[in-house]
């Protein structure tokens, strides 16, 4: 299990990314692009990537809900998050500075 502070920061980043995707739905496509790129780089099927594909296949709102879920399943998804490409460095830094 992740330390509470780390998960809190990760959740905050994902909440911001989810808000951004809701405002700019075209960004949702970046999630699949990131997942596809990671799969190409992975030599073996990774359970975390399979889980993300299942979530993505369910649509935008279920994906955003899963990424911001406070359960252990949500924390597990956030450990290898395809949401990495959604926030700018500045947005990420602002969240991390406000949560430190």
N, C-alpha and C. Protein backbone atom coordinates (compact mmCIF):
# COMPACT_ATOMS: atom_id res chain seq x y z
N UNK A 1 0.84 -1.19 0.00
CA UNK A 1 0.00 0.00 0.00
C UNK A 1 0.88 1.25 0.00
N UNK A 2 0.46 2.25 -0.74
CA UNK A 2 1.23 3.49 -0.82
C UNK A 2 1.10 4.29 0.46
N UNK A 3 2.14 5.06 0.78
CA UNK A 3 2.02 5.98 1.92
C UNK A 3 0.86 6.94 1.68
N UNK A 4 0.12 7.30 2.73
CA UNK A 4 -1.07 8.15 2.57
C UNK A 4 -0.80 9.46 1.83
N UNK A 5 0.30 10.12 2.09
CA UNK A 5 0.60 11.39 1.42
C UNK A 5 0.78 11.22 -0.07
N UNK A 6 1.45 10.15 -0.43
CA UNK A 6 1.68 9.90 -1.86
C UNK A 6 0.36 9.64 -2.58
N UNK A 7 -0.51 8.83 -1.99
CA UNK A 7 -1.80 8.56 -2.62
C UNK A 7 -2.65 9.82 -2.67
N UNK A 8 -2.57 10.66 -1.64
CA UNK A 8 -3.33 11.91 -1.62
C UNK A 8 -2.91 12.80 -2.78
N UNK A 9 -1.61 12.90 -3.01
CA UNK A 9 -1.10 13.71 -4.13
C UNK A 9 -1.52 13.10 -5.47
N UNK A 10 -1.41 11.79 -5.57
CA UNK A 10 -1.80 11.11 -6.81
C UNK A 10 -3.29 11.32 -7.09
N UNK A 11 -4.10 11.20 -6.06
CA UNK A 11 -5.54 11.42 -6.22
C UNK A 11 -5.80 12.86 -6.65
N UNK A 12 -5.12 13.81 -6.04
CA UNK A 12 -5.31 15.23 -6.40
C UNK A 12 -4.95 15.46 -7.87
N UNK A 13 -3.86 14.86 -8.34
CA UNK A 13 -3.47 14.99 -9.74
C UNK A 13 -4.53 14.40 -10.67
N UNK A 14 -5.05 13.26 -10.29
CA UNK A 14 -6.06 12.60 -11.12
C UNK A 14 -7.39 13.36 -11.12
N UNK A 15 -7.74 13.95 -9.98
CA UNK A 15 -8.95 14.77 -9.93
C UNK A 15 -8.83 15.97 -10.87
N UNK A 16 -7.66 16.61 -10.86
CA UNK A 16 -7.44 17.75 -11.76
C UNK A 16 -7.46 17.30 -13.22
N UNK A 17 -6.82 16.18 -13.52
CA UNK A 17 -6.81 15.67 -14.90
C UNK A 17 -8.23 15.32 -15.35
N UNK A 18 -9.02 14.73 -14.46
CA UNK A 18 -10.41 14.39 -14.80
C UNK A 18 -11.21 15.66 -15.10
N UNK A 19 -11.02 16.70 -14.31
CA UNK A 19 -11.70 17.98 -14.57
C UNK A 19 -11.30 18.53 -15.94
N UNK A 20 -10.02 18.45 -16.23
CA UNK A 20 -9.52 18.97 -17.50
C UNK A 20 -10.12 18.20 -18.69
N UNK A 21 -10.21 16.89 -18.56
CA UNK A 21 -10.79 16.07 -19.63
C UNK A 21 -12.28 16.40 -19.80
N UNK A 22 -12.98 16.62 -18.71
CA UNK A 22 -14.40 16.98 -18.82
C UNK A 22 -14.57 18.31 -19.55
N UNK A 23 -13.65 19.25 -19.33
CA UNK A 23 -13.71 20.55 -20.02
C UNK A 23 -13.27 20.44 -21.48
N UNK A 24 -12.34 19.49 -21.74
CA UNK A 24 -11.79 19.31 -23.09
C UNK A 24 -11.86 17.82 -23.44
N UNK A 25 -13.04 17.31 -23.78
CA UNK A 25 -13.21 15.87 -24.01
C UNK A 25 -12.25 15.26 -25.03
N UNK A 26 -11.74 16.05 -25.95
CA UNK A 26 -10.79 15.51 -26.93
C UNK A 26 -9.54 14.95 -26.25
N UNK A 27 -9.22 15.43 -25.05
CA UNK A 27 -8.06 14.92 -24.32
C UNK A 27 -8.21 13.45 -23.94
N UNK A 28 -9.45 12.98 -23.89
CA UNK A 28 -9.68 11.57 -23.54
C UNK A 28 -8.93 10.64 -24.48
N UNK A 29 -8.79 11.04 -25.74
CA UNK A 29 -8.07 10.21 -26.73
C UNK A 29 -6.61 10.02 -26.36
N UNK A 30 -6.03 10.97 -25.65
CA UNK A 30 -4.63 10.85 -25.24
C UNK A 30 -4.40 9.65 -24.33
N UNK A 31 -5.43 9.30 -23.56
CA UNK A 31 -5.28 8.16 -22.65
C UNK A 31 -5.02 6.88 -23.44
N UNK A 32 -5.80 6.66 -24.50
CA UNK A 32 -5.59 5.47 -25.33
C UNK A 32 -4.24 5.53 -26.02
N UNK A 33 -3.85 6.71 -26.48
CA UNK A 33 -2.54 6.86 -27.13
C UNK A 33 -1.41 6.51 -26.16
N UNK A 34 -1.52 6.96 -24.93
CA UNK A 34 -0.50 6.64 -23.92
C UNK A 34 -0.48 5.15 -23.66
N UNK A 35 -1.64 4.56 -23.49
CA UNK A 35 -1.72 3.12 -23.24
C UNK A 35 -1.14 2.33 -24.40
N UNK A 36 -1.46 2.70 -25.62
CA UNK A 36 -0.92 2.01 -26.80
C UNK A 36 0.61 2.11 -26.84
N UNK A 37 1.14 3.28 -26.52
CA UNK A 37 2.60 3.47 -26.52
C UNK A 37 3.25 2.59 -25.45
N UNK A 38 2.66 2.54 -24.26
CA UNK A 38 3.22 1.72 -23.19
C UNK A 38 3.18 0.24 -23.55
N UNK A 39 2.11 -0.19 -24.22
CA UNK A 39 2.03 -1.60 -24.61
C UNK A 39 3.11 -1.95 -25.63
N UNK A 40 3.40 -1.04 -26.54
CA UNK A 40 4.47 -1.29 -27.52
C UNK A 40 5.83 -1.43 -26.84
N UNK A 41 6.03 -0.70 -25.76
CA UNK A 41 7.31 -0.74 -25.05
C UNK A 41 7.42 -1.94 -24.11
N UNK A 42 6.30 -2.55 -23.79
CA UNK A 42 6.28 -3.67 -22.85
C UNK A 42 6.42 -4.98 -23.63
N UNK A 43 7.32 -5.83 -23.19
CA UNK A 43 7.54 -7.11 -23.87
C UNK A 43 6.52 -8.17 -23.45
N UNK A 44 6.03 -8.06 -22.24
CA UNK A 44 5.07 -9.02 -21.73
C UNK A 44 3.75 -8.31 -21.44
N UNK A 45 2.65 -9.05 -21.53
CA UNK A 45 1.37 -8.43 -21.16
C UNK A 45 1.40 -8.01 -19.69
N UNK A 46 1.12 -6.77 -19.44
CA UNK A 46 1.14 -6.26 -18.06
C UNK A 46 -0.29 -6.17 -17.54
N UNK A 47 -0.54 -6.76 -16.38
CA UNK A 47 -1.89 -6.72 -15.82
C UNK A 47 -2.43 -5.30 -15.63
N UNK A 48 -1.54 -4.36 -15.28
CA UNK A 48 -2.01 -2.98 -15.09
C UNK A 48 -2.49 -2.37 -16.41
N UNK A 49 -1.82 -2.70 -17.50
CA UNK A 49 -2.23 -2.17 -18.80
C UNK A 49 -3.52 -2.82 -19.29
N UNK A 50 -3.67 -4.10 -18.99
CA UNK A 50 -4.92 -4.81 -19.32
C UNK A 50 -6.07 -4.18 -18.54
N UNK A 51 -5.83 -3.87 -17.27
CA UNK A 51 -6.87 -3.24 -16.44
C UNK A 51 -7.25 -1.87 -17.00
N UNK A 52 -6.25 -1.09 -17.39
CA UNK A 52 -6.55 0.23 -17.97
C UNK A 52 -7.35 0.09 -19.26
N UNK A 53 -7.03 -0.90 -20.09
CA UNK A 53 -7.78 -1.06 -21.34
C UNK A 53 -9.24 -1.38 -21.06
N UNK A 54 -9.48 -2.24 -20.08
CA UNK A 54 -10.87 -2.55 -19.70
C UNK A 54 -11.60 -1.29 -19.27
N UNK A 55 -10.93 -0.47 -18.47
CA UNK A 55 -11.54 0.77 -17.98
C UNK A 55 -11.81 1.71 -19.15
N UNK A 56 -10.83 1.91 -20.02
CA UNK A 56 -11.00 2.81 -21.17
C UNK A 56 -12.15 2.36 -22.08
N UNK A 57 -12.27 1.05 -22.25
CA UNK A 57 -13.33 0.51 -23.10
C UNK A 57 -14.73 0.82 -22.56
N UNK A 58 -14.81 1.18 -21.29
CA UNK A 58 -16.12 1.47 -20.68
C UNK A 58 -16.59 2.90 -20.96
N UNK A 59 -15.72 3.75 -21.51
CA UNK A 59 -16.12 5.11 -21.85
C UNK A 59 -15.48 6.16 -20.96
N UNK A 60 -15.73 7.41 -21.30
CA UNK A 60 -15.06 8.51 -20.62
C UNK A 60 -15.44 8.63 -19.14
N UNK A 61 -16.71 8.75 -18.84
CA UNK A 61 -17.10 8.96 -17.44
C UNK A 61 -16.71 7.79 -16.54
N UNK A 62 -16.93 6.53 -16.95
CA UNK A 62 -16.47 5.44 -16.10
C UNK A 62 -14.94 5.43 -15.91
N UNK A 63 -14.21 5.85 -16.94
CA UNK A 63 -12.74 5.92 -16.83
C UNK A 63 -12.34 6.99 -15.83
N UNK A 64 -12.96 8.15 -15.91
CA UNK A 64 -12.63 9.23 -14.97
C UNK A 64 -13.02 8.84 -13.55
N UNK A 65 -14.14 8.16 -13.41
CA UNK A 65 -14.56 7.69 -12.09
C UNK A 65 -13.57 6.67 -11.53
N UNK A 66 -13.10 5.76 -12.36
CA UNK A 66 -12.15 4.74 -11.90
C UNK A 66 -10.82 5.37 -11.49
N UNK A 67 -10.37 6.36 -12.25
CA UNK A 67 -9.09 7.01 -11.97
C UNK A 67 -9.12 7.84 -10.69
N UNK A 68 -10.30 8.25 -10.28
CA UNK A 68 -10.42 9.08 -9.08
C UNK A 68 -11.09 8.33 -7.93
N UNK A 69 -11.28 7.05 -8.11
CA UNK A 69 -11.88 6.21 -7.08
C UNK A 69 -10.95 6.12 -5.88
N UNK A 70 -11.50 6.25 -4.70
CA UNK A 70 -10.69 6.24 -3.48
C UNK A 70 -10.46 4.83 -2.92
N UNK A 71 -10.97 3.82 -3.62
CA UNK A 71 -10.81 2.44 -3.19
C UNK A 71 -9.41 1.92 -3.52
N UNK A 72 -9.12 0.71 -3.07
CA UNK A 72 -7.84 0.07 -3.40
C UNK A 72 -7.72 -0.13 -4.91
N UNK A 73 -8.82 -0.42 -5.57
CA UNK A 73 -8.79 -0.59 -7.04
C UNK A 73 -8.37 0.72 -7.71
N UNK A 74 -8.88 1.83 -7.23
CA UNK A 74 -8.49 3.13 -7.77
C UNK A 74 -7.03 3.43 -7.51
N UNK A 75 -6.57 3.13 -6.30
CA UNK A 75 -5.15 3.35 -5.98
C UNK A 75 -4.26 2.49 -6.87
N UNK A 76 -4.69 1.26 -7.13
CA UNK A 76 -3.89 0.36 -7.99
C UNK A 76 -3.78 0.93 -9.40
N UNK A 77 -4.87 1.45 -9.94
CA UNK A 77 -4.82 2.04 -11.28
C UNK A 77 -3.88 3.25 -11.30
N UNK A 78 -3.95 4.06 -10.26
CA UNK A 78 -3.12 5.28 -10.23
C UNK A 78 -1.63 4.98 -10.10
N UNK A 79 -1.26 3.79 -9.67
CA UNK A 79 0.17 3.46 -9.55
C UNK A 79 0.88 3.42 -10.90
N UNK A 80 0.16 3.09 -11.95
CA UNK A 80 0.72 3.09 -13.31
C UNK A 80 -0.29 3.81 -14.18
N UNK A 81 -0.32 5.11 -14.06
CA UNK A 81 -1.42 5.87 -14.63
C UNK A 81 -1.17 6.37 -16.04
N UNK A 82 -2.12 6.09 -16.90
CA UNK A 82 -2.08 6.59 -18.27
C UNK A 82 -2.48 8.06 -18.34
N UNK A 83 -2.84 8.65 -17.22
CA UNK A 83 -3.22 10.07 -17.17
C UNK A 83 -2.01 10.99 -17.19
N UNK A 84 -0.82 10.43 -17.26
CA UNK A 84 0.42 11.20 -17.20
C UNK A 84 0.50 12.28 -18.28
N UNK A 85 -0.13 12.07 -19.41
CA UNK A 85 -0.01 13.02 -20.52
C UNK A 85 -1.05 14.14 -20.49
N UNK A 86 -1.92 14.15 -19.52
CA UNK A 86 -3.03 15.11 -19.51
C UNK A 86 -2.62 16.46 -18.93
N UNK A 87 -1.90 16.45 -17.83
CA UNK A 87 -1.53 17.71 -17.17
C UNK A 87 -0.21 18.25 -17.70
N UNK A 88 -0.11 19.56 -17.73
CA UNK A 88 1.16 20.19 -18.08
C UNK A 88 2.09 20.11 -16.88
N UNK A 89 3.36 20.36 -17.10
CA UNK A 89 4.31 20.39 -15.98
C UNK A 89 3.91 21.43 -14.95
N UNK A 90 3.41 22.57 -15.42
CA UNK A 90 3.01 23.64 -14.52
C UNK A 90 1.81 23.23 -13.67
N UNK A 91 0.83 22.57 -14.28
CA UNK A 91 -0.34 22.11 -13.54
C UNK A 91 0.07 21.08 -12.49
N UNK A 92 0.93 20.17 -12.89
CA UNK A 92 1.40 19.13 -11.98
C UNK A 92 2.15 19.74 -10.80
N UNK A 93 3.05 20.67 -11.09
CA UNK A 93 3.84 21.32 -10.04
C UNK A 93 2.94 22.08 -9.07
N UNK A 94 1.94 22.76 -9.58
CA UNK A 94 1.03 23.52 -8.71
C UNK A 94 0.31 22.59 -7.73
N UNK A 95 -0.13 21.44 -8.21
CA UNK A 95 -0.80 20.48 -7.33
C UNK A 95 0.18 19.95 -6.29
N UNK A 96 1.36 19.56 -6.73
CA UNK A 96 2.34 18.97 -5.82
C UNK A 96 2.79 19.98 -4.77
N UNK A 97 2.97 21.22 -5.16
CA UNK A 97 3.38 22.26 -4.20
C UNK A 97 2.28 22.54 -3.19
N UNK A 98 1.04 22.51 -3.64
CA UNK A 98 -0.07 22.80 -2.73
C UNK A 98 -0.34 21.64 -1.77
N UNK A 99 0.15 20.46 -2.10
CA UNK A 99 -0.10 19.27 -1.28
C UNK A 99 1.10 18.86 -0.44
N UNK A 100 2.20 19.62 -0.51
CA UNK A 100 3.41 19.20 0.24
C UNK A 100 3.44 19.79 1.62
